[in-house]
Amino acid sequence: MVGGFSSSSRKNIAFSFSARVDKKTLVNVKLDNIGKLTGQDNYRKLSASMTIILKGIKAYEIVVDGVTPAEDADAIEMDAYDHLCHTASTIFIQVVSHDILEMIVELKKPHLMWIWLRTKYYSDSAYALVSQIMNLVSLPTQYSSSRLSDLYPSLSPRGFTLQNS
């Protein structure tokens, strides 16, 4: 740990939370042009927007990388860290739908919120793949058709025959 910084992803870098916070100047982020996250369909757009915002409020490393103060950090560093966390959390609760808010608000830390959203909605994650497979497997029970090839005619020309067991 160097300079009050603790993270497994970045070592040997001096990091100061208090240098990022100027309590005399209020951070005011206008979120009017950012639509609320509703699911996987608009996750990438929200993620890219949040990345810009988090860098702007100097909380990117806390939220995305999970940087935390060192165990021996002084009160000023801890206060600055808490301030940045609360600012980021405040932004999160404004840019997600009500249903998603219910899932992330209890996580309390913005890094945990970021990880939860990424795991749930980023399309290249393992969870997203499993979720899509489960959606595909459950199709026969959701529709009256007994064959998936009836739902997806494009499967038949490729030689795939999927039958309901």
N, C-alpha and C. Protein backbone atom coordinates (compact mmCIF):
# COMPACT_ATOMS: atom_id res chain seq x y z
N MET A 1 0.82 -1.17 0.00
CA MET A 1 0.00 0.00 0.00
C MET A 1 0.87 1.24 0.00
N VAL A 2 0.53 2.15 -0.88
CA VAL A 2 1.31 3.36 -1.01
C VAL A 2 0.36 4.55 -1.02
N GLY A 3 0.67 5.58 -0.25
CA GLY A 3 -0.11 6.82 -0.31
C GLY A 3 -1.57 6.67 0.04
N GLY A 4 -1.92 5.79 0.98
CA GLY A 4 -3.31 5.63 1.38
C GLY A 4 -4.16 4.91 0.34
N PHE A 5 -3.56 4.06 -0.44
CA PHE A 5 -4.24 3.40 -1.54
C PHE A 5 -4.20 1.90 -1.35
N SER A 6 -5.34 1.25 -1.57
CA SER A 6 -5.39 -0.19 -1.46
C SER A 6 -6.27 -0.74 -2.56
N SER A 7 -5.71 -1.55 -3.40
CA SER A 7 -6.48 -2.22 -4.43
C SER A 7 -5.63 -3.30 -5.05
N SER A 8 -6.25 -4.42 -5.33
CA SER A 8 -5.49 -5.51 -5.93
C SER A 8 -5.18 -5.23 -7.39
N SER A 9 -5.96 -4.34 -8.03
CA SER A 9 -5.74 -4.09 -9.45
C SER A 9 -4.66 -3.04 -9.72
N ARG A 10 -4.34 -2.20 -8.74
CA ARG A 10 -3.33 -1.16 -8.95
C ARG A 10 -2.45 -1.07 -7.72
N LYS A 11 -1.25 -1.49 -7.85
CA LYS A 11 -0.30 -1.40 -6.75
C LYS A 11 0.82 -0.46 -7.15
N ASN A 12 1.51 0.06 -6.13
CA ASN A 12 2.67 0.93 -6.33
C ASN A 12 2.34 2.25 -7.02
N ILE A 13 1.12 2.73 -6.84
CA ILE A 13 0.72 4.01 -7.37
C ILE A 13 0.24 4.87 -6.20
N ALA A 14 0.77 6.07 -6.09
CA ALA A 14 0.31 6.98 -5.04
C ALA A 14 -1.10 7.44 -5.39
N PHE A 15 -1.98 7.42 -4.41
CA PHE A 15 -3.37 7.77 -4.64
C PHE A 15 -3.89 8.52 -3.43
N SER A 16 -4.55 9.62 -3.66
CA SER A 16 -5.08 10.40 -2.56
C SER A 16 -6.54 10.75 -2.84
N PHE A 17 -7.41 10.33 -1.94
CA PHE A 17 -8.82 10.67 -2.08
C PHE A 17 -9.04 12.15 -1.76
N SER A 18 -8.35 12.63 -0.73
CA SER A 18 -8.55 14.01 -0.30
C SER A 18 -8.12 15.02 -1.36
N ALA A 19 -7.16 14.66 -2.20
CA ALA A 19 -6.75 15.56 -3.27
C ALA A 19 -7.83 15.68 -4.35
N ARG A 20 -8.77 14.74 -4.38
CA ARG A 20 -9.84 14.73 -5.38
C ARG A 20 -11.08 15.49 -4.92
N VAL A 21 -11.16 15.83 -3.65
CA VAL A 21 -12.37 16.44 -3.11
C VAL A 21 -12.10 17.88 -2.71
N ASP A 22 -12.91 18.76 -3.25
CA ASP A 22 -12.88 20.16 -2.85
C ASP A 22 -14.27 20.48 -2.32
N LYS A 23 -14.44 20.44 -1.02
CA LYS A 23 -15.76 20.61 -0.43
C LYS A 23 -16.29 22.03 -0.54
N LYS A 24 -15.44 22.97 -0.92
CA LYS A 24 -15.89 24.34 -1.12
C LYS A 24 -16.65 24.49 -2.43
N THR A 25 -16.35 23.62 -3.38
CA THR A 25 -16.99 23.65 -4.69
C THR A 25 -17.91 22.44 -4.80
N LEU A 26 -19.21 22.70 -4.91
CA LEU A 26 -20.17 21.61 -5.04
C LEU A 26 -20.09 21.01 -6.44
N VAL A 27 -20.18 19.70 -6.50
CA VAL A 27 -20.21 19.00 -7.77
C VAL A 27 -21.67 18.94 -8.21
N ASN A 28 -21.93 19.46 -9.38
CA ASN A 28 -23.29 19.48 -9.89
C ASN A 28 -23.31 18.79 -11.24
N VAL A 29 -23.88 17.61 -11.30
CA VAL A 29 -23.93 16.84 -12.53
C VAL A 29 -25.37 16.80 -13.01
N LYS A 30 -25.58 17.30 -14.21
CA LYS A 30 -26.91 17.31 -14.80
C LYS A 30 -27.12 16.00 -15.53
N LEU A 31 -28.18 15.29 -15.18
CA LEU A 31 -28.41 13.95 -15.74
C LEU A 31 -29.62 13.91 -16.66
N ASP A 32 -30.06 15.07 -17.14
CA ASP A 32 -31.26 15.14 -17.98
C ASP A 32 -31.16 14.33 -19.27
N ASN A 33 -29.99 14.28 -19.87
CA ASN A 33 -29.84 13.61 -21.15
C ASN A 33 -29.52 12.13 -21.04
N ILE A 34 -29.45 11.62 -19.83
CA ILE A 34 -29.13 10.21 -19.64
C ILE A 34 -30.42 9.47 -19.30
N GLY A 35 -30.80 8.55 -20.17
CA GLY A 35 -31.98 7.74 -19.91
C GLY A 35 -31.71 6.76 -18.79
N LYS A 36 -32.75 6.33 -18.14
CA LYS A 36 -32.61 5.37 -17.04
C LYS A 36 -32.27 3.99 -17.58
N LEU A 37 -31.41 3.30 -16.87
CA LEU A 37 -31.08 1.92 -17.22
C LEU A 37 -32.30 1.05 -16.99
N THR A 38 -32.70 0.34 -18.04
CA THR A 38 -33.85 -0.55 -17.93
C THR A 38 -33.47 -2.01 -18.10
N GLY A 39 -32.27 -2.25 -18.58
CA GLY A 39 -31.83 -3.63 -18.78
C GLY A 39 -30.66 -3.70 -19.73
N GLN A 40 -30.50 -4.87 -20.32
CA GLN A 40 -29.37 -5.13 -21.19
C GLN A 40 -29.39 -4.26 -22.45
N ASP A 41 -30.58 -3.89 -22.89
CA ASP A 41 -30.70 -3.11 -24.13
C ASP A 41 -29.98 -1.77 -24.08
N ASN A 42 -30.00 -1.09 -22.94
CA ASN A 42 -29.36 0.22 -22.89
C ASN A 42 -28.20 0.27 -21.88
N TYR A 43 -27.70 -0.90 -21.48
CA TYR A 43 -26.60 -0.93 -20.51
C TYR A 43 -25.32 -0.29 -21.07
N ARG A 44 -24.95 -0.62 -22.27
CA ARG A 44 -23.69 -0.10 -22.83
C ARG A 44 -23.69 1.43 -22.90
N LYS A 45 -24.81 2.00 -23.31
CA LYS A 45 -24.91 3.46 -23.39
C LYS A 45 -24.80 4.07 -22.00
N LEU A 46 -25.49 3.48 -21.03
CA LEU A 46 -25.42 4.02 -19.67
C LEU A 46 -24.02 3.83 -19.09
N SER A 47 -23.42 2.70 -19.34
CA SER A 47 -22.07 2.43 -18.83
C SER A 47 -21.07 3.45 -19.38
N ALA A 48 -21.15 3.73 -20.66
CA ALA A 48 -20.24 4.71 -21.27
C ALA A 48 -20.49 6.11 -20.68
N SER A 49 -21.75 6.46 -20.49
CA SER A 49 -22.08 7.76 -19.90
C SER A 49 -21.59 7.84 -18.46
N MET A 50 -21.79 6.78 -17.71
CA MET A 50 -21.36 6.77 -16.31
C MET A 50 -19.84 6.84 -16.20
N THR A 51 -19.13 6.22 -17.13
CA THR A 51 -17.67 6.30 -17.13
C THR A 51 -17.22 7.75 -17.24
N ILE A 52 -17.83 8.50 -18.13
CA ILE A 52 -17.49 9.91 -18.30
C ILE A 52 -17.83 10.70 -17.03
N ILE A 53 -19.01 10.45 -16.49
CA ILE A 53 -19.44 11.16 -15.28
C ILE A 53 -18.52 10.83 -14.10
N LEU A 54 -18.23 9.56 -13.92
CA LEU A 54 -17.38 9.15 -12.79
C LEU A 54 -15.99 9.73 -12.88
N LYS A 55 -15.47 9.84 -14.08
CA LYS A 55 -14.16 10.50 -14.24
C LYS A 55 -14.28 11.98 -13.93
N GLY A 56 -15.40 12.57 -14.32
CA GLY A 56 -15.63 13.99 -14.07
C GLY A 56 -15.73 14.34 -12.59
N ILE A 57 -16.33 13.44 -11.82
CA ILE A 57 -16.45 13.70 -10.37
C ILE A 57 -15.30 13.08 -9.59
N LYS A 58 -14.36 12.52 -10.33
CA LYS A 58 -13.14 11.94 -9.76
C LYS A 58 -13.41 10.74 -8.85
N ALA A 59 -14.41 9.94 -9.24
CA ALA A 59 -14.75 8.75 -8.47
C ALA A 59 -14.60 7.47 -9.30
N TYR A 60 -14.04 7.57 -10.49
CA TYR A 60 -13.92 6.42 -11.39
C TYR A 60 -13.17 5.26 -10.73
N GLU A 61 -12.03 5.53 -10.14
CA GLU A 61 -11.22 4.46 -9.55
C GLU A 61 -11.95 3.77 -8.40
N ILE A 62 -12.72 4.54 -7.65
CA ILE A 62 -13.48 3.96 -6.53
C ILE A 62 -14.57 3.05 -7.06
N VAL A 63 -15.33 3.53 -8.03
CA VAL A 63 -16.50 2.79 -8.52
C VAL A 63 -16.10 1.63 -9.42
N VAL A 64 -15.28 1.87 -10.41
CA VAL A 64 -14.96 0.84 -11.40
C VAL A 64 -13.87 -0.10 -10.92
N ASP A 65 -12.80 0.45 -10.38
CA ASP A 65 -11.66 -0.38 -9.96
C ASP A 65 -11.77 -0.90 -8.53
N GLY A 66 -12.65 -0.32 -7.74
CA GLY A 66 -12.82 -0.77 -6.36
C GLY A 66 -11.74 -0.27 -5.41
N VAL A 67 -11.13 0.85 -5.73
CA VAL A 67 -10.08 1.41 -4.87
C VAL A 67 -10.68 1.80 -3.52
N THR A 68 -10.01 1.44 -2.45
CA THR A 68 -10.43 1.79 -1.10
C THR A 68 -9.25 2.38 -0.34
N PRO A 69 -9.54 3.13 0.71
CA PRO A 69 -8.43 3.68 1.50
C PRO A 69 -7.65 2.57 2.20
N ALA A 70 -6.40 2.86 2.45
CA ALA A 70 -5.56 1.91 3.20
C ALA A 70 -6.10 1.79 4.62
N GLU A 71 -5.79 0.70 5.26
CA GLU A 71 -6.26 0.48 6.63
C GLU A 71 -5.78 1.57 7.58
N ASP A 72 -4.62 2.14 7.31
CA ASP A 72 -4.06 3.17 8.18
C ASP A 72 -4.33 4.59 7.67
N ALA A 73 -5.33 4.75 6.79
CA ALA A 73 -5.65 6.07 6.25
C ALA A 73 -6.16 6.99 7.35
N ASP A 74 -5.82 8.25 7.24
CA ASP A 74 -6.25 9.21 8.27
C ASP A 74 -7.71 9.62 8.04
N ALA A 75 -8.25 10.39 8.96
CA ALA A 75 -9.66 10.79 8.93
C ALA A 75 -9.98 11.62 7.69
N ILE A 76 -9.05 12.43 7.24
CA ILE A 76 -9.29 13.26 6.05
C ILE A 76 -9.46 12.39 4.83
N GLU A 77 -8.61 11.37 4.68
CA GLU A 77 -8.73 10.44 3.55
C GLU A 77 -10.04 9.66 3.61
N MET A 78 -10.40 9.19 4.79
CA MET A 78 -11.65 8.43 4.95
C MET A 78 -12.86 9.30 4.63
N ASP A 79 -12.84 10.54 5.08
CA ASP A 79 -13.94 11.47 4.82
C ASP A 79 -14.05 11.74 3.32
N ALA A 80 -12.92 11.95 2.66
CA ALA A 80 -12.92 12.20 1.22
C ALA A 80 -13.44 10.97 0.46
N TYR A 81 -13.01 9.80 0.88
CA TYR A 81 -13.47 8.55 0.25
C TYR A 81 -14.99 8.42 0.42
N ASP A 82 -15.49 8.63 1.63
CA ASP A 82 -16.93 8.54 1.88
C ASP A 82 -17.69 9.55 1.03
N HIS A 83 -17.17 10.77 0.92
CA HIS A 83 -17.80 11.81 0.12
C HIS A 83 -17.91 11.37 -1.35
N LEU A 84 -16.84 10.85 -1.91
CA LEU A 84 -16.85 10.40 -3.29
C LEU A 84 -17.80 9.21 -3.49
N CYS A 85 -17.85 8.31 -2.52
CA CYS A 85 -18.77 7.17 -2.58
C CYS A 85 -20.23 7.63 -2.58
N HIS A 86 -20.54 8.57 -1.68
CA HIS A 86 -21.91 9.07 -1.60
C HIS A 86 -22.31 9.82 -2.87
N THR A 87 -21.39 10.57 -3.42
CA THR A 87 -21.68 11.29 -4.66
C THR A 87 -21.97 10.29 -5.79
N ALA A 88 -21.14 9.27 -5.92
CA ALA A 88 -21.35 8.26 -6.96
C ALA A 88 -22.65 7.49 -6.75
N SER A 89 -22.94 7.12 -5.50
CA SER A 89 -24.17 6.39 -5.20
C SER A 89 -25.39 7.24 -5.53
N THR A 90 -25.31 8.53 -5.26
CA THR A 90 -26.42 9.44 -5.57
C THR A 90 -26.69 9.46 -7.06
N ILE A 91 -25.65 9.43 -7.84
CA ILE A 91 -25.82 9.41 -9.30
C ILE A 91 -26.43 8.08 -9.74
N PHE A 92 -25.96 6.97 -9.18
CA PHE A 92 -26.51 5.66 -9.54
C PHE A 92 -28.02 5.60 -9.32
N ILE A 93 -28.49 6.09 -8.19
CA ILE A 93 -29.93 5.97 -7.90
C ILE A 93 -30.78 6.83 -8.83
N GLN A 94 -30.16 7.76 -9.53
CA GLN A 94 -30.90 8.61 -10.46
C GLN A 94 -30.92 8.08 -11.88
N VAL A 95 -30.04 7.15 -12.21
CA VAL A 95 -29.92 6.71 -13.61
C VAL A 95 -30.38 5.27 -13.84
N VAL A 96 -31.02 4.67 -12.85
CA VAL A 96 -31.54 3.31 -13.03
C VAL A 96 -33.05 3.31 -12.83
N SER A 97 -33.71 2.36 -13.45
CA SER A 97 -35.16 2.24 -13.30
C SER A 97 -35.49 1.85 -11.85
N HIS A 98 -36.74 2.01 -11.51
CA HIS A 98 -37.19 1.69 -10.15
C HIS A 98 -36.91 0.23 -9.79
N ASP A 99 -37.17 -0.68 -10.72
CA ASP A 99 -36.94 -2.11 -10.46
C ASP A 99 -35.46 -2.41 -10.19
N ILE A 100 -34.59 -1.79 -10.97
CA ILE A 100 -33.15 -2.00 -10.77
C ILE A 100 -32.70 -1.33 -9.48
N LEU A 101 -33.26 -0.17 -9.19
CA LEU A 101 -32.91 0.53 -7.96
C LEU A 101 -33.17 -0.35 -6.74
N GLU A 102 -34.27 -1.05 -6.75
CA GLU A 102 -34.59 -1.94 -5.62
C GLU A 102 -33.52 -3.01 -5.42
N MET A 103 -32.85 -3.39 -6.50
CA MET A 103 -31.83 -4.43 -6.42
C MET A 103 -30.48 -3.88 -5.94
N ILE A 104 -30.14 -2.64 -6.32
CA ILE A 104 -28.79 -2.15 -6.02
C ILE A 104 -28.71 -1.25 -4.80
N VAL A 105 -29.81 -0.68 -4.37
CA VAL A 105 -29.74 0.30 -3.28
C VAL A 105 -29.23 -0.31 -1.98
N GLU A 106 -29.50 -1.56 -1.76
CA GLU A 106 -29.05 -2.22 -0.54
C GLU A 106 -27.56 -2.59 -0.58
N LEU A 107 -26.94 -2.47 -1.74
CA LEU A 107 -25.52 -2.78 -1.84
C LEU A 107 -24.66 -1.70 -1.19
N LYS A 108 -25.17 -0.51 -1.07
CA LYS A 108 -24.57 0.63 -0.36
C LYS A 108 -23.31 1.20 -0.99
N LYS A 109 -22.37 0.42 -1.40
CA LYS A 109 -21.12 0.92 -1.97
C LYS A 109 -21.25 1.00 -3.49
N PRO A 110 -20.80 2.11 -4.09
CA PRO A 110 -20.97 2.26 -5.55
C PRO A 110 -20.19 1.22 -6.36
N HIS A 111 -19.07 0.73 -5.84
CA HIS A 111 -18.33 -0.31 -6.56
C HIS A 111 -19.17 -1.59 -6.65
N LEU A 112 -19.85 -1.94 -5.58
CA LEU A 112 -20.70 -3.13 -5.60
C LEU A 112 -21.88 -2.93 -6.55
N MET A 113 -22.41 -1.71 -6.60
CA MET A 113 -23.49 -1.41 -7.55
C MET A 113 -23.00 -1.58 -8.98
N TRP A 114 -21.81 -1.05 -9.27
CA TRP A 114 -21.23 -1.15 -10.61
C TRP A 114 -21.03 -2.61 -11.01
N ILE A 115 -20.47 -3.39 -10.10
CA ILE A 115 -20.21 -4.81 -10.38
C ILE A 115 -21.51 -5.56 -10.61
N TRP A 116 -22.52 -5.28 -9.79
CA TRP A 116 -23.81 -5.96 -9.94
C TRP A 116 -24.42 -5.65 -11.30
N LEU A 117 -24.42 -4.36 -11.67
CA LEU A 117 -25.00 -3.97 -12.96
C LEU A 117 -24.23 -4.57 -14.12
N ARG A 118 -22.92 -4.56 -14.02
CA ARG A 118 -22.09 -5.12 -15.10
C ARG A 118 -22.32 -6.63 -15.23
N THR A 119 -22.36 -7.31 -14.11
CA THR A 119 -22.58 -8.76 -14.13
C THR A 119 -23.95 -9.10 -14.70
N LYS A 120 -24.93 -8.31 -14.34
CA LYS A 120 -26.31 -8.58 -14.77
C LYS A 120 -26.57 -8.20 -16.23
N TYR A 121 -26.03 -7.07 -16.67
CA TYR A 121 -26.45 -6.52 -17.96
C TYR A 121 -25.38 -6.45 -19.04
N TYR A 122 -24.12 -6.58 -18.72
CA TYR A 122 -23.09 -6.54 -19.76
C TYR A 122 -23.19 -7.82 -20.57
N SER A 123 -23.33 -7.71 -21.87
CA SER A 123 -23.67 -8.86 -22.70
C SER A 123 -22.55 -9.88 -22.85
N ASP A 124 -21.31 -9.52 -22.54
CA ASP A 124 -20.22 -10.48 -22.67
C ASP A 124 -19.91 -11.22 -21.37
N SER A 125 -20.66 -10.98 -20.32
CA SER A 125 -20.37 -11.63 -19.05
C SER A 125 -20.91 -13.06 -19.05
N ALA A 126 -20.35 -13.89 -18.22
CA ALA A 126 -20.78 -15.29 -18.14
C ALA A 126 -22.24 -15.37 -17.69
N TYR A 127 -22.62 -14.51 -16.75
CA TYR A 127 -24.01 -14.51 -16.28
C TYR A 127 -24.97 -14.20 -17.42
N ALA A 128 -24.62 -13.22 -18.25
CA ALA A 128 -25.49 -12.86 -19.37
C ALA A 128 -25.64 -14.03 -20.33
N LEU A 129 -24.57 -14.76 -20.58
CA LEU A 129 -24.63 -15.93 -21.45
C LEU A 129 -25.55 -16.99 -20.86
N VAL A 130 -25.38 -17.29 -19.59
CA VAL A 130 -26.22 -18.29 -18.93
C VAL A 130 -27.67 -17.83 -18.93
N SER A 131 -27.89 -16.56 -18.68
CA SER A 131 -29.25 -16.02 -18.68
C SER A 131 -29.90 -16.18 -20.04
N GLN A 132 -29.16 -15.90 -21.11
CA GLN A 132 -29.71 -16.05 -22.45
C GLN A 132 -29.97 -17.52 -22.79
N ILE A 133 -29.10 -18.40 -22.34
CA ILE A 133 -29.31 -19.83 -22.56
C ILE A 133 -30.58 -20.28 -21.83
N MET A 134 -30.75 -19.81 -20.61
CA MET A 134 -31.96 -20.17 -19.84
C MET A 134 -33.21 -19.63 -20.53
N ASN A 135 -33.13 -18.43 -21.08
CA ASN A 135 -34.27 -17.88 -21.82
C ASN A 135 -34.60 -18.76 -23.02
N LEU A 136 -33.58 -19.21 -23.72
CA LEU A 136 -33.78 -20.07 -24.88
C LEU A 136 -34.39 -21.42 -24.48
N VAL A 137 -33.85 -22.01 -23.43
CA VAL A 137 -34.32 -23.32 -22.98
C VAL A 137 -35.77 -23.25 -22.49
N SER A 138 -36.17 -22.12 -21.92
CA SER A 138 -37.52 -22.02 -21.37
C SER A 138 -38.57 -21.66 -22.41
N LEU A 139 -38.18 -21.40 -23.65
CA LEU A 139 -39.14 -21.03 -24.68
C LEU A 139 -40.28 -22.04 -24.87
N PRO A 140 -40.01 -23.34 -24.92
CA PRO A 140 -41.12 -24.28 -25.13
C PRO A 140 -42.19 -24.21 -24.04
N THR A 141 -41.82 -23.87 -22.85
CA THR A 141 -42.81 -23.78 -21.78
C THR A 141 -43.56 -22.45 -21.79
N GLN A 142 -42.99 -21.46 -22.48
CA GLN A 142 -43.63 -20.14 -22.53
C GLN A 142 -44.60 -20.00 -23.69
N TYR A 143 -44.47 -20.86 -24.70
CA TYR A 143 -45.31 -20.77 -25.89
C TYR A 143 -45.96 -22.12 -26.15
N SER A 144 -47.06 -22.10 -26.89
CA SER A 144 -47.79 -23.34 -27.15
C SER A 144 -47.08 -24.23 -28.17
N SER A 145 -46.16 -23.69 -28.89
CA SER A 145 -45.45 -24.47 -29.91
C SER A 145 -44.64 -25.59 -29.25
N SER A 146 -44.66 -26.75 -29.84
CA SER A 146 -43.91 -27.86 -29.26
C SER A 146 -42.48 -27.94 -29.80
N ARG A 147 -42.18 -27.14 -30.80
CA ARG A 147 -40.84 -27.18 -31.37
C ARG A 147 -40.26 -25.76 -31.47
N LEU A 148 -39.02 -25.62 -31.05
CA LEU A 148 -38.37 -24.32 -31.17
C LEU A 148 -38.19 -23.92 -32.63
N SER A 149 -38.06 -24.92 -33.50
CA SER A 149 -37.89 -24.59 -34.92
C SER A 149 -39.13 -23.91 -35.48
N ASP A 150 -40.29 -24.13 -34.85
CA ASP A 150 -41.50 -23.42 -35.26
C ASP A 150 -41.39 -21.94 -34.90
N LEU A 151 -40.73 -21.66 -33.76
CA LEU A 151 -40.56 -20.27 -33.33
C LEU A 151 -39.46 -19.58 -34.11
N TYR A 152 -38.44 -20.33 -34.45
CA TYR A 152 -37.29 -19.79 -35.16
C TYR A 152 -37.08 -20.58 -36.46
N PRO A 153 -37.81 -20.24 -37.50
CA PRO A 153 -37.69 -20.98 -38.76
C PRO A 153 -36.27 -20.98 -39.32
N SER A 154 -35.49 -19.99 -38.95
CA SER A 154 -34.12 -19.93 -39.50
C SER A 154 -33.25 -21.07 -38.97
N LEU A 155 -33.68 -21.75 -37.93
CA LEU A 155 -32.90 -22.87 -37.41
C LEU A 155 -33.02 -24.09 -38.33
N SER A 156 -34.19 -24.30 -38.89
CA SER A 156 -34.43 -25.49 -39.72
C SER A 156 -33.53 -25.56 -40.95
N PRO A 157 -33.36 -24.47 -41.70
CA PRO A 157 -32.50 -24.57 -42.89
C PRO A 157 -31.04 -24.90 -42.53
N ARG A 158 -30.63 -24.62 -41.36
CA ARG A 158 -29.26 -24.93 -40.97
C ARG A 158 -29.09 -26.37 -40.51
N GLY A 159 -30.19 -27.12 -40.50
CA GLY A 159 -30.08 -28.51 -40.13
C GLY A 159 -30.25 -28.77 -38.64
N PHE A 160 -30.65 -27.76 -37.91
CA PHE A 160 -30.88 -27.95 -36.48
C PHE A 160 -32.30 -28.45 -36.26
N THR A 161 -32.45 -29.49 -35.49
CA THR A 161 -33.76 -29.96 -35.11
C THR A 161 -33.84 -29.96 -33.61
N LEU A 162 -34.64 -29.07 -33.08
CA LEU A 162 -34.79 -28.98 -31.63
C LEU A 162 -36.20 -29.43 -31.29
N GLN A 163 -36.30 -30.42 -30.45
CA GLN A 163 -37.60 -30.93 -30.09
C GLN A 163 -37.81 -30.80 -28.60
N ASN A 164 -39.05 -30.64 -28.23
CA ASN A 164 -39.43 -30.58 -26.83
C ASN A 164 -39.46 -32.00 -26.27
N SER A 165 -38.73 -32.25 -25.18
CA SER A 165 -38.68 -33.61 -24.66
C SER A 165 -39.80 -33.92 -23.73
